[in-house]
Amino acid sequence: MRRGAPLSLPFLLFLYVKQVLMTSLSLGKLSRHIDTLVTRFHI
């Protein structure tokens, strides 16, 4: 565990950043869909 820590730490950080980016992108798409639905219902 100690031996692989220096190598696995940046990898885990990269995976975490990628996950955050993917979730933020999906949330952006969701917010866009919600915005279009809201505008459609208001119109």
N, C-alpha and C. Protein backbone atom coordinates (compact mmCIF):
# COMPACT_ATOMS: atom_id res chain seq x y z
N MET A 1 0.85 -1.20 0.00
CA MET A 1 0.00 0.00 0.00
C MET A 1 0.88 1.26 0.00
N ARG A 2 1.91 1.25 0.87
CA ARG A 2 2.78 2.42 0.96
C ARG A 2 3.58 2.60 -0.33
N ARG A 3 3.96 1.47 -0.94
CA ARG A 3 4.81 1.55 -2.12
C ARG A 3 4.02 2.13 -3.31
N GLY A 4 2.74 1.80 -3.40
CA GLY A 4 1.95 2.27 -4.53
C GLY A 4 1.28 3.62 -4.28
N ALA A 5 1.45 4.17 -3.08
CA ALA A 5 0.79 5.43 -2.77
C ALA A 5 1.23 6.58 -3.69
N PRO A 6 2.53 6.78 -3.90
CA PRO A 6 2.94 7.90 -4.76
C PRO A 6 2.40 7.78 -6.18
N LEU A 7 2.21 6.54 -6.65
CA LEU A 7 1.72 6.36 -8.02
C LEU A 7 0.20 6.43 -8.08
N SER A 8 -0.46 5.91 -7.05
CA SER A 8 -1.92 5.83 -7.10
C SER A 8 -2.58 7.16 -6.72
N LEU A 9 -1.88 8.00 -5.95
CA LEU A 9 -2.49 9.26 -5.51
C LEU A 9 -2.83 10.16 -6.69
N PRO A 10 -1.89 10.47 -7.58
CA PRO A 10 -2.24 11.31 -8.75
C PRO A 10 -3.29 10.64 -9.63
N PHE A 11 -3.25 9.31 -9.72
CA PHE A 11 -4.23 8.60 -10.54
C PHE A 11 -5.63 8.76 -9.94
N LEU A 12 -5.73 8.62 -8.62
CA LEU A 12 -7.02 8.80 -7.96
C LEU A 12 -7.50 10.24 -8.11
N LEU A 13 -6.56 11.19 -8.02
CA LEU A 13 -6.91 12.60 -8.19
C LEU A 13 -7.45 12.84 -9.59
N PHE A 14 -6.78 12.23 -10.59
CA PHE A 14 -7.23 12.37 -11.98
C PHE A 14 -8.63 11.78 -12.16
N LEU A 15 -8.85 10.61 -11.56
CA LEU A 15 -10.17 9.98 -11.66
C LEU A 15 -11.23 10.86 -10.99
N TYR A 16 -10.87 11.46 -9.85
CA TYR A 16 -11.82 12.31 -9.13
C TYR A 16 -12.17 13.54 -9.97
N VAL A 17 -11.14 14.15 -10.57
CA VAL A 17 -11.36 15.34 -11.39
C VAL A 17 -12.22 14.98 -12.61
N LYS A 18 -11.92 13.82 -13.21
CA LYS A 18 -12.70 13.39 -14.38
C LYS A 18 -14.16 13.17 -13.98
N GLN A 19 -14.37 12.54 -12.83
CA GLN A 19 -15.74 12.29 -12.37
C GLN A 19 -16.47 13.60 -12.13
N VAL A 20 -15.77 14.56 -11.52
CA VAL A 20 -16.40 15.86 -11.24
C VAL A 20 -16.75 16.57 -12.55
N LEU A 21 -15.85 16.48 -13.53
CA LEU A 21 -16.12 17.12 -14.82
C LEU A 21 -17.31 16.47 -15.50
N MET A 22 -17.37 15.14 -15.45
CA MET A 22 -18.48 14.44 -16.08
C MET A 22 -19.80 14.79 -15.40
N THR A 23 -19.80 14.84 -14.07
CA THR A 23 -21.03 15.17 -13.35
C THR A 23 -21.45 16.61 -13.63
N SER A 24 -20.47 17.51 -13.72
CA SER A 24 -20.79 18.91 -13.99
C SER A 24 -21.36 19.05 -15.40
N LEU A 25 -20.80 18.28 -16.35
CA LEU A 25 -21.31 18.33 -17.73
C LEU A 25 -22.73 17.80 -17.79
N SER A 26 -22.99 16.68 -17.10
CA SER A 26 -24.33 16.11 -17.11
C SER A 26 -25.31 17.05 -16.42
N LEU A 27 -24.86 17.72 -15.35
CA LEU A 27 -25.73 18.67 -14.66
C LEU A 27 -26.03 19.85 -15.57
N GLY A 28 -25.03 20.29 -16.35
CA GLY A 28 -25.24 21.39 -17.29
C GLY A 28 -26.27 21.00 -18.34
N LYS A 29 -26.18 19.77 -18.84
CA LYS A 29 -27.16 19.30 -19.82
C LYS A 29 -28.54 19.24 -19.18
N LEU A 30 -28.60 18.77 -17.94
CA LEU A 30 -29.88 18.68 -17.25
C LEU A 30 -30.48 20.07 -17.07
N SER A 31 -29.66 21.03 -16.66
CA SER A 31 -30.16 22.39 -16.45
C SER A 31 -30.64 22.98 -17.77
N ARG A 32 -29.94 22.65 -18.87
CA ARG A 32 -30.37 23.15 -20.18
C ARG A 32 -31.73 22.56 -20.54
N HIS A 33 -31.90 21.26 -20.30
CA HIS A 33 -33.18 20.62 -20.60
C HIS A 33 -34.29 21.22 -19.74
N ILE A 34 -33.99 21.46 -18.48
CA ILE A 34 -34.99 22.05 -17.58
C ILE A 34 -35.34 23.46 -18.04
N ASP A 35 -34.32 24.22 -18.48
CA ASP A 35 -34.58 25.57 -18.97
C ASP A 35 -35.49 25.54 -20.19
N THR A 36 -35.22 24.62 -21.12
CA THR A 36 -36.06 24.53 -22.33
C THR A 36 -37.48 24.13 -21.95
N LEU A 37 -37.62 23.19 -21.01
CA LEU A 37 -38.96 22.77 -20.58
C LEU A 37 -39.69 23.94 -19.92
N VAL A 38 -38.98 24.69 -19.08
CA VAL A 38 -39.62 25.82 -18.39
C VAL A 38 -40.06 26.87 -19.40
N THR A 39 -39.20 27.16 -20.37
CA THR A 39 -39.56 28.17 -21.38
C THR A 39 -40.75 27.68 -22.20
N ARG A 40 -40.78 26.41 -22.51
CA ARG A 40 -41.90 25.86 -23.29
C ARG A 40 -43.20 25.98 -22.51
N PHE A 41 -43.15 25.66 -21.23
CA PHE A 41 -44.37 25.71 -20.43
C PHE A 41 -44.82 27.15 -20.20
N HIS A 42 -43.87 28.06 -20.05
CA HIS A 42 -44.22 29.47 -19.84
C HIS A 42 -44.78 30.07 -21.11
N ILE A 43 -44.30 29.60 -22.26
CA ILE A 43 -44.83 30.11 -23.55
C ILE A 43 -46.09 29.32 -23.91
